[in-house]
C-alpha cells in the first residue's frame, strides 16, 4: 500500500515543465543576473505581481480622478 498520493508522485500533475525555448530564456536571464534559474523565476513572478499591482492602482486612481473632475472634463470637451 502506497501512502503517497497519486498527484504527488513524480511525473503526475507536474505542470511546471517549460518548453525548450522557455528554458533557454530562463537560463539566459539567470546567467545575465548571476543567479540561479529558481531565483530568476521567483524574481519574474514578483515583477509581474508588482506590475499588475501598479496597473491596478493606476486604474483605480484614474477612475477616481475622472469621477471627481467629470464636470470639468465635460466642460473642457465642449
PDB file of N, CA and C in Angstrom:
ATOM      1  N   UNK A   1       0.849  -1.193   0.000  1.00  0.00           N
ATOM      2  CA  UNK A   1       0.000   0.000   0.000  1.00  0.00           C
ATOM      3  C   UNK A   1       0.888   1.248   0.000  1.00  0.00           C
ATOM      4  N   UNK A   2       0.630   2.136  -0.939  1.00  0.00           N
ATOM      5  CA  UNK A   2       1.417   3.355  -1.074  1.00  0.00           C
ATOM      6  C   UNK A   2       0.683   4.492  -0.357  1.00  0.00           C
ATOM      7  N   UNK A   3       1.386   5.184   0.534  1.00  0.00           N
ATOM      8  CA  UNK A   3       0.754   6.276   1.271  1.00  0.00           C
ATOM      9  C   UNK A   3       0.968   7.631   0.598  1.00  0.00           C
ATOM     10  N   UNK A   4       1.759   7.664  -0.460  1.00  0.00           N
ATOM     11  CA  UNK A   4       1.986   8.913  -1.186  1.00  0.00           C
ATOM     12  C   UNK A   4       0.843   9.109  -2.176  1.00  0.00           C
ATOM     13  N   UNK A   5       0.155  10.260  -2.117  1.00  0.00           N
ATOM     14  CA  UNK A   5      -0.965  10.487  -3.035  1.00  0.00           C
ATOM     15  C   UNK A   5      -0.511  10.417  -4.492  1.00  0.00           C
ATOM     16  N   UNK A   6      -1.397   9.955  -5.351  1.00  0.00           N
ATOM     17  CA  UNK A   6      -1.095   9.817  -6.778  1.00  0.00           C
ATOM     18  C   UNK A   6      -0.614  11.131  -7.390  1.00  0.00           C
ATOM     19  N   UNK A   7      -1.269  12.258  -7.018  1.00  0.00           N
ATOM     20  CA  UNK A   7      -0.929  13.550  -7.606  1.00  0.00           C
ATOM     21  C   UNK A   7       0.464  14.025  -7.207  1.00  0.00           C
ATOM     22  N   UNK A   8       1.029  13.464  -6.144  1.00  0.00           N
ATOM     23  CA  UNK A   8       2.325  13.916  -5.654  1.00  0.00           C
ATOM     24  C   UNK A   8       3.481  13.110  -6.238  1.00  0.00           C
ATOM     25  N   UNK A   9       3.196  12.000  -6.851  1.00  0.00           N
ATOM     26  CA  UNK A   9       4.248  11.145  -7.395  1.00  0.00           C
ATOM     27  C   UNK A   9       4.925  11.813  -8.578  1.00  0.00           C
ATOM     28  N   UNK A  10       6.212  11.588  -8.752  1.00  0.00           N
ATOM     29  CA  UNK A  10       6.938  12.182  -9.884  1.00  0.00           C
ATOM     30  C   UNK A  10       6.253  11.864 -11.202  1.00  0.00           C
ATOM     31  N   UNK A  11       6.154  12.884 -12.043  1.00  0.00           N
ATOM     32  CA  UNK A  11       5.537  12.705 -13.341  1.00  0.00           C
ATOM     33  C   UNK A  11       4.033  12.893 -13.342  1.00  0.00           C
ATOM     34  N   UNK A  12       3.438  13.060 -12.186  1.00  0.00           N
ATOM     35  CA  UNK A  12       1.993  13.250 -12.087  1.00  0.00           C
ATOM     36  C   UNK A  12       1.696  14.671 -11.640  1.00  0.00           C
ATOM     37  N   UNK A  13       0.910  15.352 -12.445  1.00  0.00           N
ATOM     38  CA  UNK A  13       0.458  16.685 -12.047  1.00  0.00           C
ATOM     39  C   UNK A  13       1.541  17.738 -12.075  1.00  0.00           C
ATOM     40  N   UNK A  14       2.650  17.465 -12.756  1.00  0.00           N
ATOM     41  CA  UNK A  14       3.725  18.460 -12.820  1.00  0.00           C
ATOM     42  C   UNK A  14       3.480  19.368 -14.006  1.00  0.00           C
ATOM     43  N   UNK A  15       2.932  20.547 -13.734  1.00  0.00           N
ATOM     44  CA  UNK A  15       2.653  21.475 -14.822  1.00  0.00           C
ATOM     45  C   UNK A  15       3.704  22.569 -14.919  1.00  0.00           C
ATOM     46  N   UNK A  16       4.839  22.388 -14.244  1.00  0.00           N
ATOM     47  CA  UNK A  16       5.869  23.413 -14.245  1.00  0.00           C
ATOM     48  C   UNK A  16       6.918  23.193 -15.330  1.00  0.00           C
ATOM     49  N   UNK A  17       6.788  22.143 -16.122  1.00  0.00           N
ATOM     50  CA  UNK A  17       7.763  21.874 -17.166  1.00  0.00           C
ATOM     51  C   UNK A  17       7.624  22.917 -18.273  1.00  0.00           C
ATOM     52  N   UNK A  18       8.727  23.551 -18.610  1.00  0.00           N
ATOM     53  CA  UNK A  18       8.724  24.573 -19.648  1.00  0.00           C
ATOM     54  C   UNK A  18       9.248  23.972 -20.945  1.00  0.00           C
ATOM     55  N   UNK A  19       8.865  24.590 -22.054  1.00  0.00           N
ATOM     56  CA  UNK A  19       9.388  24.094 -23.320  1.00  0.00           C
ATOM     57  C   UNK A  19      10.842  24.545 -23.475  1.00  0.00           C
ATOM     58  N   UNK A  20      11.563  23.985 -24.427  1.00  0.00           N
ATOM     59  CA  UNK A  20      12.992  24.307 -24.563  1.00  0.00           C
ATOM     60  C   UNK A  20      13.286  25.793 -24.764  1.00  0.00           C
ATOM     61  N   UNK A  21      12.428  26.505 -25.501  1.00  0.00           N
ATOM     62  CA  UNK A  21      12.640  27.941 -25.689  1.00  0.00           C
ATOM     63  C   UNK A  21      12.536  28.685 -24.368  1.00  0.00           C
ATOM     64  N   UNK A  22      11.538  28.327 -23.559  1.00  0.00           N
ATOM     65  CA  UNK A  22      11.382  28.949 -22.248  1.00  0.00           C
ATOM     66  C   UNK A  22      12.586  28.651 -21.363  1.00  0.00           C
ATOM     67  N   UNK A  23      13.067  27.434 -21.430  1.00  0.00           N
ATOM     68  CA  UNK A  23      14.238  27.050 -20.631  1.00  0.00           C
ATOM     69  C   UNK A  23      15.455  27.875 -21.030  1.00  0.00           C
ATOM     70  N   UNK A  24      15.632  28.113 -22.342  1.00  0.00           N
ATOM     71  CA  UNK A  24      16.774  28.926 -22.807  1.00  0.00           C
ATOM     72  C   UNK A  24      16.652  30.363 -22.322  1.00  0.00           C
ATOM     73  N   UNK A  25      15.445  30.912 -22.397  1.00  0.00           N
ATOM     74  CA  UNK A  25      15.236  32.289 -21.938  1.00  0.00           C
ATOM     75  C   UNK A  25      15.514  32.391 -20.441  1.00  0.00           C
ATOM     76  N   UNK A  26      15.002  31.444 -19.684  1.00  0.00           N
ATOM     77  CA  UNK A  26      15.208  31.437 -18.235  1.00  0.00           C
ATOM     78  C   UNK A  26      16.693  31.310 -17.906  1.00  0.00           C
ATOM     79  N   UNK A  27      17.388  30.423 -18.595  1.00  0.00           N
ATOM     80  CA  UNK A  27      18.819  30.251 -18.358  1.00  0.00           C
ATOM     81  C   UNK A  27      19.586  31.526 -18.690  1.00  0.00           C
ATOM     82  N   UNK A  28      19.197  32.206 -19.773  1.00  0.00           N
ATOM     83  CA  UNK A  28      19.866  33.451 -20.154  1.00  0.00           C
ATOM     84  C   UNK A  28      19.624  34.541 -19.116  1.00  0.00           C
ATOM     85  N   UNK A  29      18.387  34.654 -18.629  1.00  0.00           N
ATOM     86  CA  UNK A  29      18.088  35.649 -17.589  1.00  0.00           C
ATOM     87  C   UNK A  29      18.905  35.380 -16.329  1.00  0.00           C
ATOM     88  N   UNK A  30      18.946  34.128 -15.929  1.00  0.00           N
ATOM     89  CA  UNK A  30      19.686  33.756 -14.722  1.00  0.00           C
ATOM     90  C   UNK A  30      21.170  34.047 -14.894  1.00  0.00           C
ATOM     91  N   UNK A  31      21.723  33.701 -16.029  1.00  0.00           N
ATOM     92  CA  UNK A  31      23.152  33.933 -16.271  1.00  0.00           C
ATOM     93  C   UNK A  31      23.462  35.423 -16.299  1.00  0.00           C
ATOM     94  N   UNK A  32      22.599  36.191 -16.936  1.00  0.00           N
ATOM     95  CA  UNK A  32      22.809  37.638 -17.036  1.00  0.00           C
ATOM     96  C   UNK A  32      22.847  38.293 -15.661  1.00  0.00           C
ATOM     97  N   UNK A  33      21.990  37.813 -14.769  1.00  0.00           N
ATOM     98  CA  UNK A  33      21.933  38.387 -13.417  1.00  0.00           C
ATOM     99  C   UNK A  33      22.839  37.668 -12.429  1.00  0.00           C
ATOM    100  N   UNK A  34      23.469  36.582 -12.870  1.00  0.00           N
ATOM    101  CA  UNK A  34      24.358  35.834 -11.981  1.00  0.00           C
ATOM    102  C   UNK A  34      23.621  35.149 -10.837  1.00  0.00           C
ATOM    103  N   UNK A  35      22.427  34.644 -11.151  1.00  0.00           N
ATOM    104  CA  UNK A  35      21.602  33.997 -10.134  1.00  0.00           C
ATOM    105  C   UNK A  35      21.159  32.623 -10.650  1.00  0.00           C
ATOM    106  N   UNK A  36      20.551  31.845  -9.774  1.00  0.00           N
ATOM    107  CA  UNK A  36      20.042  30.540 -10.173  1.00  0.00           C
ATOM    108  C   UNK A  36      18.778  30.706 -11.012  1.00  0.00           C
ATOM    109  N   UNK A  37      18.445  29.655 -11.734  1.00  0.00           N
ATOM    110  CA  UNK A  37      17.208  29.681 -12.516  1.00  0.00           C
ATOM    111  C   UNK A  37      15.994  29.805 -11.600  1.00  0.00           C
ATOM    112  N   UNK A  38      16.067  29.168 -10.443  1.00  0.00           N
ATOM    113  CA  UNK A  38      14.961  29.276  -9.491  1.00  0.00           C
ATOM    114  C   UNK A  38      14.792  30.723  -9.033  1.00  0.00           C
ATOM    115  N   UNK A  39      15.902  31.391  -8.727  1.00  0.00           N
ATOM    116  CA  UNK A  39      15.825  32.796  -8.295  1.00  0.00           C
ATOM    117  C   UNK A  39      15.312  33.676  -9.430  1.00  0.00           C
ATOM    118  N   UNK A  40      15.724  33.393 -10.659  1.00  0.00           N
ATOM    119  CA  UNK A  40      15.231  34.157 -11.812  1.00  0.00           C
ATOM    120  C   UNK A  40      13.721  33.984 -11.956  1.00  0.00           C
ATOM    121  N   UNK A  41      13.237  32.778 -11.737  1.00  0.00           N
ATOM    122  CA  UNK A  41      11.799  32.513 -11.808  1.00  0.00           C
ATOM    123  C   UNK A  41      11.056  33.292 -10.730  1.00  0.00           C
ATOM    124  N   UNK A  42      11.573  33.251  -9.515  1.00  0.00           N
ATOM    125  CA  UNK A  42      10.935  33.954  -8.402  1.00  0.00           C
ATOM    126  C   UNK A  42      10.911  35.457  -8.654  1.00  0.00           C
ATOM    127  N   UNK A  43      12.029  35.993  -9.157  1.00  0.00           N
ATOM    128  CA  UNK A  43      12.072  37.429  -9.451  1.00  0.00           C
ATOM    129  C   UNK A  43      11.069  37.798 -10.537  1.00  0.00           C
ATOM    130  N   UNK A  44      10.929  36.952 -11.552  1.00  0.00           N
ATOM    131  CA  UNK A  44       9.971  37.227 -12.623  1.00  0.00           C
ATOM    132  C   UNK A  44       8.546  37.240 -12.083  1.00  0.00           C
ATOM    133  N   UNK A  45       8.251  36.318 -11.199  1.00  0.00           N
ATOM    134  CA  UNK A  45       6.920  36.271 -10.587  1.00  0.00           C
ATOM    135  C   UNK A  45       6.660  37.547  -9.796  1.00  0.00           C
ATOM    136  N   UNK A  46       7.636  37.977  -9.028  1.00  0.00           N
ATOM    137  CA  UNK A  46       7.474  39.198  -8.234  1.00  0.00           C
ATOM    138  C   UNK A  46       7.339  40.433  -9.129  1.00  0.00           C
ATOM    139  N   UNK A  47       8.093  40.471 -10.232  1.00  0.00           N
ATOM    140  CA  UNK A  47       7.981  41.596 -11.163  1.00  0.00           C
ATOM    141  C   UNK A  47       6.587  41.697 -11.752  1.00  0.00           C
ATOM    142  N   UNK A  48       6.037  40.575 -12.181  1.00  0.00           N
ATOM    143  CA  UNK A  48       4.687  40.579 -12.759  1.00  0.00           C
ATOM    144  C   UNK A  48       3.669  40.998 -11.711  1.00  0.00           C
ATOM    145  N   UNK A  49       3.804  40.487 -10.501  1.00  0.00           N
ATOM    146  CA  UNK A  49       2.865  40.847  -9.433  1.00  0.00           C
ATOM    147  C   UNK A  49       2.932  42.347  -9.137  1.00  0.00           C
ATOM    148  N   UNK A  50       4.149  42.900  -9.089  1.00  0.00           N
ATOM    149  CA  UNK A  50       4.303  44.329  -8.818  1.00  0.00           C
ATOM    150  C   UNK A  50       3.713  45.163  -9.952  1.00  0.00           C
ATOM    151  N   UNK A  51       3.967  44.742 -11.191  1.00  0.00           N
ATOM    152  CA  UNK A  51       3.444  45.472 -12.346  1.00  0.00           C
ATOM    153  C   UNK A  51       1.921  45.452 -12.353  1.00  0.00           C
ATOM    154  N   UNK A  52       1.339  44.292 -12.076  1.00  0.00           N
ATOM    155  CA  UNK A  52      -0.127  44.214 -12.037  1.00  0.00           C
ATOM    156  C   UNK A  52      -0.696  45.064 -10.912  1.00  0.00           C
ATOM    157  N   UNK A  53      -0.034  45.084  -9.781  1.00  0.00           N
ATOM    158  CA  UNK A  53      -0.488  45.924  -8.678  1.00  0.00           C
ATOM    159  C   UNK A  53      -0.431  47.390  -9.050  1.00  0.00           C
ATOM    160  N   UNK A  54       0.635  47.785  -9.733  1.00  0.00           N
ATOM    161  CA  UNK A  54       0.776  49.174 -10.166  1.00  0.00           C
ATOM    162  C   UNK A  54      -0.316  49.533 -11.168  1.00  0.00           C
ATOM    163  N   UNK A  55      -0.533  48.655 -12.147  1.00  0.00           N
ATOM    164  CA  UNK A  55      -1.580  48.906 -13.141  1.00  0.00           C
ATOM    165  C   UNK A  55      -2.949  49.015 -12.490  1.00  0.00           C
ATOM    166  N   UNK A  56      -3.206  48.177 -11.497  1.00  0.00           N
ATOM    167  CA  UNK A  56      -4.486  48.227 -10.779  1.00  0.00           C
ATOM    168  C   UNK A  56      -4.614  49.557 -10.045  1.00  0.00           C
ATOM    169  N   UNK A  57      -3.537  50.008  -9.405  1.00  0.00           N
ATOM    170  CA  UNK A  57      -3.561  51.288  -8.693  1.00  0.00           C
ATOM    171  C   UNK A  57      -3.814  52.451  -9.645  1.00  0.00           C
ATOM    172  N   UNK A  58      -3.166  52.415 -10.823  1.00  0.00           N
ATOM    173  CA  UNK A  58      -3.358  53.479 -11.808  1.00  0.00           C
ATOM    174  C   UNK A  58      -4.807  53.499 -12.279  1.00  0.00           C
ATOM    175  N   UNK A  59      -5.386  52.328 -12.558  1.00  0.00           N
ATOM    176  CA  UNK A  59      -6.795  52.278 -12.981  1.00  0.00           C
ATOM    177  C   UNK A  59      -7.714  52.848 -11.908  1.00  0.00           C
ATOM    178  N   UNK A  60      -7.465  52.483 -10.653  1.00  0.00           N
ATOM    179  CA  UNK A  60      -8.300  52.949  -9.545  1.00  0.00           C
ATOM    180  C   UNK A  60      -8.206  54.461  -9.388  1.00  0.00           C
ATOM    181  N   UNK A  61      -6.977  54.979  -9.408  1.00  0.00           N
ATOM    182  CA  UNK A  61      -6.784  56.427  -9.251  1.00  0.00           C
ATOM    183  C   UNK A  61      -7.328  57.197 -10.446  1.00  0.00           C
ATOM    184  N   UNK A  62      -7.178  56.641 -11.633  1.00  0.00           N
ATOM    185  CA  UNK A  62      -7.708  57.285 -12.835  1.00  0.00           C
ATOM    186  C   UNK A  62      -9.226  57.368 -12.781  1.00  0.00           C
ATOM    187  N   UNK A  63      -9.860  56.291 -12.365  1.00  0.00           N
ATOM    188  CA  UNK A  63     -11.319  56.288 -12.254  1.00  0.00           C
ATOM    189  C   UNK A  63     -11.771  57.312 -11.226  1.00  0.00           C
ATOM    190  N   UNK A  64     -11.071  57.400 -10.116  1.00  0.00           N
ATOM    191  CA  UNK A  64     -11.425  58.371  -9.076  1.00  0.00           C
ATOM    192  C   UNK A  64     -11.270  59.793  -9.596  1.00  0.00           C
ATOM    193  N   UNK A  65     -10.203  60.053 -10.355  1.00  0.00           N
ATOM    194  CA  UNK A  65      -9.991  61.396 -10.904  1.00  0.00           C
ATOM    195  C   UNK A  65     -11.058  61.736 -11.934  1.00  0.00           C
ATOM    196  N   UNK A  66     -11.427  60.768 -12.775  1.00  0.00           N
ATOM    197  CA  UNK A  66     -12.483  61.021 -13.767  1.00  0.00           C
ATOM    198  C   UNK A  66     -13.805  61.334 -13.069  1.00  0.00           C
ATOM    199  N   UNK A  67     -14.107  60.613 -11.995  1.00  0.00           N
ATOM    200  CA  UNK A  67     -15.334  60.891 -11.246  1.00  0.00           C
ATOM    201  C   UNK A  67     -15.280  62.271 -10.605  1.00  0.00           C
ATOM    202  N   UNK A  68     -14.163  62.573  -9.995  1.00  0.00           N
ATOM    203  CA  UNK A  68     -14.021  63.841  -9.271  1.00  0.00           C
ATOM    204  C   UNK A  68     -14.102  65.034 -10.225  1.00  0.00           C
ATOM    205  N   UNK A  69     -13.483  64.895 -11.396  1.00  0.00           N
ATOM    206  CA  UNK A  69     -13.403  66.027 -12.323  1.00  0.00           C
ATOM    207  C   UNK A  69     -14.305  65.855 -13.547  1.00  0.00           C
ATOM    208  N   UNK A  70     -15.343  65.041 -13.436  1.00  0.00           N
ATOM    209  CA  UNK A  70     -16.230  64.767 -14.568  1.00  0.00           C
ATOM    210  C   UNK A  70     -16.826  66.043 -15.147  1.00  0.00           C
ATOM    211  N   UNK A  71     -17.311  66.951 -14.296  1.00  0.00           N
ATOM    212  CA  UNK A  71     -17.910  68.193 -14.790  1.00  0.00           C
ATOM    213  C   UNK A  71     -16.879  69.027 -15.549  1.00  0.00           C
ATOM    214  N   UNK A  72     -15.702  69.174 -14.974  1.00  0.00           N
ATOM    215  CA  UNK A  72     -14.646  69.950 -15.612  1.00  0.00           C
ATOM    216  C   UNK A  72     -14.249  69.319 -16.946  1.00  0.00           C
ATOM    217  N   UNK A  73     -14.082  68.023 -16.963  1.00  0.00           N
ATOM    218  CA  UNK A  73     -13.702  67.337 -18.205  1.00  0.00           C
ATOM    219  C   UNK A  73     -14.780  67.502 -19.263  1.00  0.00           C
ATOM    220  N   UNK A  74     -16.040  67.464 -18.844  1.00  0.00           N
ATOM    221  CA  UNK A  74     -17.139  67.648 -19.774  1.00  0.00           C
ATOM    222  C   UNK A  74     -17.109  69.053 -20.363  1.00  0.00           C
ATOM    223  N   UNK A  75     -16.885  70.064 -19.520  1.00  0.00           N
ATOM    224  CA  UNK A  75     -16.825  71.443 -19.999  1.00  0.00           C
ATOM    225  C   UNK A  75     -15.635  71.651 -20.925  1.00  0.00           C
ATOM    226  N   UNK A  76     -14.508  71.048 -20.613  1.00  0.00           N
ATOM    227  CA  UNK A  76     -13.321  71.184 -21.458  1.00  0.00           C
ATOM    228  C   UNK A  76     -13.519  70.505 -22.810  1.00  0.00           C
ATOM    229  N   UNK A  77     -14.350  69.483 -22.828  1.00  0.00           N
ATOM    230  CA  UNK A  77     -14.599  68.751 -24.056  1.00  0.00           C
ATOM    231  C   UNK A  77     -15.550  69.450 -25.021  1.00  0.00           C
ATOM    232  N   UNK A  78     -16.178  70.512 -24.589  1.00  0.00           N
ATOM    233  CA  UNK A  78     -17.132  71.244 -25.462  1.00  0.00           C
ATOM    234  C   UNK A  78     -16.434  72.236 -26.325  1.00  0.00           C
TER     235      UNK A  78
END
